[in-house]
């Protein structure tokens, strides 16, 4: 039933992906306005796939890192895949996505000159 909960997407759409070979889990698609929801859903998805710790701790478990990068790249627009495609660490990809979107959120505050 956890997969059913992860399949709920709301705004921003999703893409059906076979994860782990046995079940279909929808990766939420990141948009310019849903970073907070996307990050919560992606963290849950990465945990289900036992890949969150490579982002959380920065460990370089090869298989977990590859899984995390694959899930992240399935859930972001092609423009960001091209921008971050050379990064080999899932943690660096996560932080790069966060930097782009948290910066945008902060700049919506009154007085921001960015």
N, C-alpha and C. Protein backbone atom coordinates (compact mmCIF):
# COMPACT_ATOMS: atom_id res chain seq x y z
N UNK A 1 0.79 -1.19 0.00
CA UNK A 1 0.00 0.00 0.00
C UNK A 1 0.85 1.27 0.00
N UNK A 2 2.11 1.16 0.42
CA UNK A 2 2.99 2.33 0.39
C UNK A 2 3.15 2.84 -1.03
N UNK A 3 3.19 1.92 -1.99
CA UNK A 3 3.32 2.34 -3.37
C UNK A 3 2.12 3.14 -3.82
N UNK A 4 0.91 2.77 -3.34
CA UNK A 4 -0.29 3.53 -3.68
C UNK A 4 -0.18 4.96 -3.18
N UNK A 5 0.33 5.12 -1.97
CA UNK A 5 0.48 6.46 -1.41
C UNK A 5 1.47 7.28 -2.22
N UNK A 6 2.54 6.64 -2.67
CA UNK A 6 3.53 7.36 -3.45
C UNK A 6 3.02 7.69 -4.85
N UNK A 7 2.05 6.93 -5.32
CA UNK A 7 1.53 7.17 -6.66
C UNK A 7 0.65 8.40 -6.74
N UNK A 8 0.14 8.88 -5.60
CA UNK A 8 -0.66 10.10 -5.60
C UNK A 8 0.24 11.27 -5.96
N UNK A 9 -0.16 12.06 -6.95
CA UNK A 9 0.75 13.09 -7.42
C UNK A 9 0.26 14.51 -7.25
N UNK A 10 -1.01 14.77 -7.35
CA UNK A 10 -1.48 16.15 -7.26
C UNK A 10 -0.94 16.98 -8.39
N UNK A 11 -0.55 18.23 -8.11
CA UNK A 11 -0.06 19.14 -9.13
C UNK A 11 1.31 18.71 -9.62
N UNK A 12 1.64 19.11 -10.83
CA UNK A 12 2.98 18.87 -11.34
C UNK A 12 3.11 17.61 -12.15
N UNK A 13 2.12 16.75 -12.14
CA UNK A 13 2.17 15.55 -12.94
C UNK A 13 3.15 14.54 -12.40
N UNK A 14 3.30 13.46 -13.15
CA UNK A 14 4.21 12.41 -12.75
C UNK A 14 4.51 11.57 -13.96
N UNK A 15 5.45 10.68 -13.80
CA UNK A 15 5.75 9.75 -14.87
C UNK A 15 5.80 8.35 -14.27
N UNK A 16 5.12 7.40 -14.90
CA UNK A 16 5.14 6.02 -14.41
C UNK A 16 6.49 5.42 -14.73
N UNK A 17 7.12 4.85 -13.73
CA UNK A 17 8.42 4.22 -13.93
C UNK A 17 8.42 2.90 -13.19
N UNK A 18 9.02 1.88 -13.80
CA UNK A 18 9.22 0.62 -13.11
C UNK A 18 10.42 0.80 -12.21
N UNK A 19 10.22 0.62 -10.93
CA UNK A 19 11.28 0.78 -9.96
C UNK A 19 11.46 -0.55 -9.26
N UNK A 20 12.68 -1.05 -9.24
CA UNK A 20 12.93 -2.32 -8.58
C UNK A 20 12.41 -3.50 -9.37
N UNK A 21 11.89 -3.28 -10.57
CA UNK A 21 11.49 -4.35 -11.45
C UNK A 21 10.14 -4.99 -11.14
N UNK A 22 9.54 -4.73 -9.98
CA UNK A 22 8.33 -5.46 -9.64
C UNK A 22 7.08 -4.59 -9.52
N UNK A 23 7.24 -3.32 -9.31
CA UNK A 23 6.06 -2.48 -9.14
C UNK A 23 6.24 -1.17 -9.88
N UNK A 24 5.13 -0.54 -10.15
CA UNK A 24 5.16 0.73 -10.85
C UNK A 24 4.94 1.85 -9.84
N UNK A 25 5.91 2.72 -9.70
CA UNK A 25 5.82 3.86 -8.80
C UNK A 25 5.94 5.11 -9.64
N UNK A 26 5.08 6.07 -9.39
CA UNK A 26 5.11 7.31 -10.16
C UNK A 26 6.12 8.26 -9.54
N UNK A 27 7.05 8.73 -10.37
CA UNK A 27 7.99 9.76 -9.94
C UNK A 27 7.31 11.10 -10.14
N UNK A 28 7.24 11.92 -9.11
CA UNK A 28 6.64 13.24 -9.28
C UNK A 28 7.53 14.11 -10.17
N UNK A 29 6.93 14.87 -11.08
CA UNK A 29 7.71 15.74 -11.96
C UNK A 29 7.86 17.11 -11.32
N UNK A 30 9.09 17.55 -11.22
CA UNK A 30 9.40 18.87 -10.67
C UNK A 30 8.97 19.96 -11.65
N UNK A 31 8.32 20.98 -11.12
CA UNK A 31 7.95 22.15 -11.92
C UNK A 31 8.54 23.38 -11.25
N UNK A 32 8.30 24.52 -11.84
CA UNK A 32 8.83 25.76 -11.26
C UNK A 32 8.11 26.16 -9.98
N UNK A 33 6.99 25.51 -9.66
CA UNK A 33 6.21 25.95 -8.50
C UNK A 33 5.95 24.86 -7.45
N UNK A 34 6.49 23.65 -7.62
CA UNK A 34 6.14 22.58 -6.68
C UNK A 34 7.34 21.97 -5.97
N UNK A 35 8.43 22.71 -5.81
CA UNK A 35 9.64 22.13 -5.23
C UNK A 35 9.40 21.50 -3.86
N UNK A 36 8.68 22.17 -2.97
CA UNK A 36 8.49 21.64 -1.62
C UNK A 36 7.77 20.29 -1.66
N UNK A 37 6.68 20.21 -2.42
CA UNK A 37 5.95 18.94 -2.54
C UNK A 37 6.81 17.89 -3.23
N UNK A 38 7.50 18.29 -4.30
CA UNK A 38 8.37 17.37 -5.03
C UNK A 38 9.43 16.78 -4.10
N UNK A 39 10.07 17.62 -3.30
CA UNK A 39 11.16 17.14 -2.45
C UNK A 39 10.65 16.16 -1.39
N UNK A 40 9.46 16.40 -0.84
CA UNK A 40 8.88 15.48 0.13
C UNK A 40 8.59 14.13 -0.53
N UNK A 41 7.99 14.18 -1.70
CA UNK A 41 7.66 12.94 -2.41
C UNK A 41 8.91 12.19 -2.85
N UNK A 42 9.90 12.92 -3.34
CA UNK A 42 11.12 12.26 -3.78
C UNK A 42 11.88 11.64 -2.61
N UNK A 43 11.90 12.31 -1.48
CA UNK A 43 12.56 11.74 -0.31
C UNK A 43 11.90 10.41 0.06
N UNK A 44 10.57 10.37 0.06
CA UNK A 44 9.85 9.13 0.36
C UNK A 44 10.16 8.05 -0.67
N UNK A 45 10.17 8.42 -1.95
CA UNK A 45 10.46 7.47 -3.02
C UNK A 45 11.88 6.93 -2.90
N UNK A 46 12.82 7.80 -2.61
CA UNK A 46 14.21 7.37 -2.45
C UNK A 46 14.37 6.46 -1.24
N UNK A 47 13.64 6.74 -0.16
CA UNK A 47 13.68 5.87 1.03
C UNK A 47 13.12 4.49 0.71
N UNK A 48 12.00 4.43 0.00
CA UNK A 48 11.40 3.15 -0.37
C UNK A 48 12.38 2.31 -1.18
N UNK A 49 13.18 2.97 -2.00
CA UNK A 49 14.16 2.29 -2.83
C UNK A 49 15.53 2.19 -2.18
N UNK A 50 15.58 2.46 -0.88
CA UNK A 50 16.81 2.32 -0.08
C UNK A 50 17.96 3.15 -0.64
N UNK A 51 17.64 4.31 -1.20
CA UNK A 51 18.67 5.15 -1.82
C UNK A 51 18.79 6.52 -1.18
N UNK A 52 17.97 6.83 -0.18
CA UNK A 52 18.01 8.16 0.44
C UNK A 52 19.34 8.41 1.15
N UNK A 53 19.94 7.38 1.75
CA UNK A 53 21.14 7.61 2.55
C UNK A 53 22.31 8.16 1.73
N UNK A 54 22.36 7.90 0.43
CA UNK A 54 23.45 8.49 -0.36
C UNK A 54 23.29 10.00 -0.49
N UNK A 55 22.06 10.48 -0.39
CA UNK A 55 21.82 11.92 -0.41
C UNK A 55 21.97 12.50 0.99
N UNK A 56 21.41 11.81 1.96
CA UNK A 56 21.43 12.29 3.34
C UNK A 56 22.84 12.31 3.92
N UNK A 57 23.61 11.27 3.68
CA UNK A 57 24.95 11.16 4.28
C UNK A 57 26.07 11.43 3.29
N UNK A 58 25.77 11.37 2.01
CA UNK A 58 26.81 11.55 1.00
C UNK A 58 27.62 10.29 0.76
N UNK A 59 27.19 9.15 1.30
CA UNK A 59 27.93 7.91 1.08
C UNK A 59 27.95 7.59 -0.41
N UNK A 60 28.96 6.89 -0.84
CA UNK A 60 29.10 6.60 -2.27
C UNK A 60 28.88 5.12 -2.57
N UNK A 61 27.84 4.54 -2.00
CA UNK A 61 27.44 3.18 -2.37
C UNK A 61 27.02 3.25 -3.84
N UNK A 62 27.76 2.58 -4.70
CA UNK A 62 27.56 2.69 -6.14
C UNK A 62 26.15 2.39 -6.61
N UNK A 63 25.58 1.27 -6.17
CA UNK A 63 24.24 0.89 -6.62
C UNK A 63 23.19 1.87 -6.11
N UNK A 64 23.28 2.26 -4.85
CA UNK A 64 22.31 3.21 -4.29
C UNK A 64 22.45 4.57 -4.95
N UNK A 65 23.68 5.00 -5.22
CA UNK A 65 23.91 6.28 -5.89
C UNK A 65 23.31 6.25 -7.29
N UNK A 66 23.52 5.15 -8.02
CA UNK A 66 22.97 5.02 -9.36
C UNK A 66 21.44 5.05 -9.33
N UNK A 67 20.85 4.35 -8.36
CA UNK A 67 19.39 4.34 -8.24
C UNK A 67 18.87 5.74 -7.95
N UNK A 68 19.51 6.44 -7.02
CA UNK A 68 19.07 7.79 -6.65
C UNK A 68 19.18 8.74 -7.84
N UNK A 69 20.28 8.69 -8.56
CA UNK A 69 20.45 9.56 -9.73
C UNK A 69 19.39 9.24 -10.78
N UNK A 70 19.14 7.96 -11.02
CA UNK A 70 18.14 7.57 -12.01
C UNK A 70 16.76 8.11 -11.63
N UNK A 71 16.39 7.97 -10.36
CA UNK A 71 15.09 8.47 -9.92
C UNK A 71 15.02 9.99 -10.01
N UNK A 72 16.08 10.66 -9.62
CA UNK A 72 16.10 12.12 -9.71
C UNK A 72 15.97 12.59 -11.16
N UNK A 73 16.73 11.97 -12.06
CA UNK A 73 16.70 12.38 -13.45
C UNK A 73 15.36 12.07 -14.12
N UNK A 74 14.63 11.07 -13.61
CA UNK A 74 13.30 10.77 -14.14
C UNK A 74 12.26 11.78 -13.67
N UNK A 75 12.60 12.54 -12.63
CA UNK A 75 11.60 13.41 -12.02
C UNK A 75 11.86 14.90 -12.23
N UNK A 76 12.84 15.23 -13.06
CA UNK A 76 13.12 16.64 -13.34
C UNK A 76 13.02 16.89 -14.83
N UNK A 77 12.74 18.12 -15.23
CA UNK A 77 12.63 18.45 -16.65
C UNK A 77 13.95 18.20 -17.40
N UNK A 78 13.84 17.97 -18.69
CA UNK A 78 15.02 17.69 -19.51
C UNK A 78 16.07 18.79 -19.42
N UNK A 79 15.63 20.03 -19.29
CA UNK A 79 16.61 21.13 -19.19
C UNK A 79 17.51 20.97 -17.97
N UNK A 80 16.94 20.49 -16.87
CA UNK A 80 17.75 20.27 -15.67
C UNK A 80 18.61 19.02 -15.79
N UNK A 81 18.10 18.00 -16.47
CA UNK A 81 18.91 16.80 -16.71
C UNK A 81 20.16 17.19 -17.50
N UNK A 82 19.98 18.02 -18.52
CA UNK A 82 21.13 18.48 -19.30
C UNK A 82 22.08 19.32 -18.46
N UNK A 83 21.52 20.13 -17.59
CA UNK A 83 22.33 21.02 -16.75
C UNK A 83 23.14 20.25 -15.70
N UNK A 84 22.54 19.20 -15.12
CA UNK A 84 23.18 18.46 -14.03
C UNK A 84 23.66 17.08 -14.44
N UNK A 85 23.56 16.75 -15.71
CA UNK A 85 23.86 15.40 -16.18
C UNK A 85 25.28 14.92 -15.96
N UNK A 86 26.21 15.82 -15.80
CA UNK A 86 27.61 15.42 -15.59
C UNK A 86 27.92 15.14 -14.12
N UNK A 87 27.01 15.47 -13.23
CA UNK A 87 27.24 15.21 -11.81
C UNK A 87 27.15 13.71 -11.55
N UNK A 88 28.10 13.18 -10.78
CA UNK A 88 28.14 11.74 -10.54
C UNK A 88 27.70 11.36 -9.13
N UNK A 89 27.39 12.33 -8.31
CA UNK A 89 26.94 12.09 -6.94
C UNK A 89 25.48 12.49 -6.82
N UNK A 90 24.66 11.57 -6.31
CA UNK A 90 23.24 11.88 -6.12
C UNK A 90 23.07 13.05 -5.16
N UNK A 91 23.92 13.14 -4.16
CA UNK A 91 23.84 14.25 -3.22
C UNK A 91 24.08 15.58 -3.94
N UNK A 92 25.05 15.62 -4.85
CA UNK A 92 25.33 16.85 -5.60
C UNK A 92 24.17 17.21 -6.51
N UNK A 93 23.53 16.20 -7.11
CA UNK A 93 22.36 16.46 -7.96
C UNK A 93 21.24 17.04 -7.11
N UNK A 94 20.96 16.42 -5.95
CA UNK A 94 19.91 16.90 -5.05
C UNK A 94 20.18 18.35 -4.64
N UNK A 95 21.42 18.63 -4.23
CA UNK A 95 21.76 19.98 -3.77
C UNK A 95 21.68 20.99 -4.91
N UNK A 96 22.04 20.58 -6.13
CA UNK A 96 21.95 21.48 -7.28
C UNK A 96 20.49 21.83 -7.57
N UNK A 97 19.62 20.82 -7.51
CA UNK A 97 18.19 21.06 -7.72
C UNK A 97 17.66 21.98 -6.62
N UNK A 98 18.05 21.70 -5.39
CA UNK A 98 17.61 22.51 -4.25
C UNK A 98 18.06 23.95 -4.40
N UNK A 99 19.29 24.16 -4.80
CA UNK A 99 19.82 25.51 -4.96
C UNK A 99 19.02 26.30 -5.99
N UNK A 100 18.72 25.68 -7.10
CA UNK A 100 17.94 26.35 -8.15
C UNK A 100 16.56 26.74 -7.64
N UNK A 101 15.90 25.84 -6.95
CA UNK A 101 14.51 26.09 -6.56
C UNK A 101 14.35 26.83 -5.25
N UNK A 102 15.20 26.60 -4.28
CA UNK A 102 15.10 27.35 -3.03
C UNK A 102 15.46 28.80 -3.29
N UNK A 103 16.42 29.04 -4.15
CA UNK A 103 16.76 30.41 -4.53
C UNK A 103 15.58 31.13 -5.13
N UNK A 104 14.82 30.44 -5.97
CA UNK A 104 13.62 31.04 -6.57
C UNK A 104 12.58 31.34 -5.51
N UNK A 105 12.41 30.43 -4.56
CA UNK A 105 11.42 30.64 -3.50
C UNK A 105 11.81 31.85 -2.66
N UNK A 106 13.09 31.94 -2.28
CA UNK A 106 13.55 33.05 -1.46
C UNK A 106 13.41 34.38 -2.19
N UNK A 107 13.58 34.39 -3.49
CA UNK A 107 13.50 35.63 -4.26
C UNK A 107 12.07 36.10 -4.45
N UNK A 108 11.10 35.35 -4.03
CA UNK A 108 9.71 35.81 -4.08
C UNK A 108 9.39 36.69 -2.88
N UNK A 109 10.29 36.72 -1.91
CA UNK A 109 10.08 37.54 -0.72
C UNK A 109 10.25 39.01 -1.08
N UNK A 110 9.48 39.89 -0.45
CA UNK A 110 9.62 41.33 -0.72
C UNK A 110 11.06 41.79 -0.46
N UNK A 111 11.56 42.61 -1.33
CA UNK A 111 12.89 43.17 -1.15
C UNK A 111 14.00 42.36 -1.78
N UNK A 112 13.71 41.18 -2.31
CA UNK A 112 14.75 40.36 -2.94
C UNK A 112 15.15 41.01 -4.26
N UNK A 113 16.44 41.13 -4.49
CA UNK A 113 16.93 41.79 -5.71
C UNK A 113 17.62 40.82 -6.65
N UNK A 114 17.39 39.52 -6.49
CA UNK A 114 18.03 38.52 -7.36
C UNK A 114 17.22 38.30 -8.60
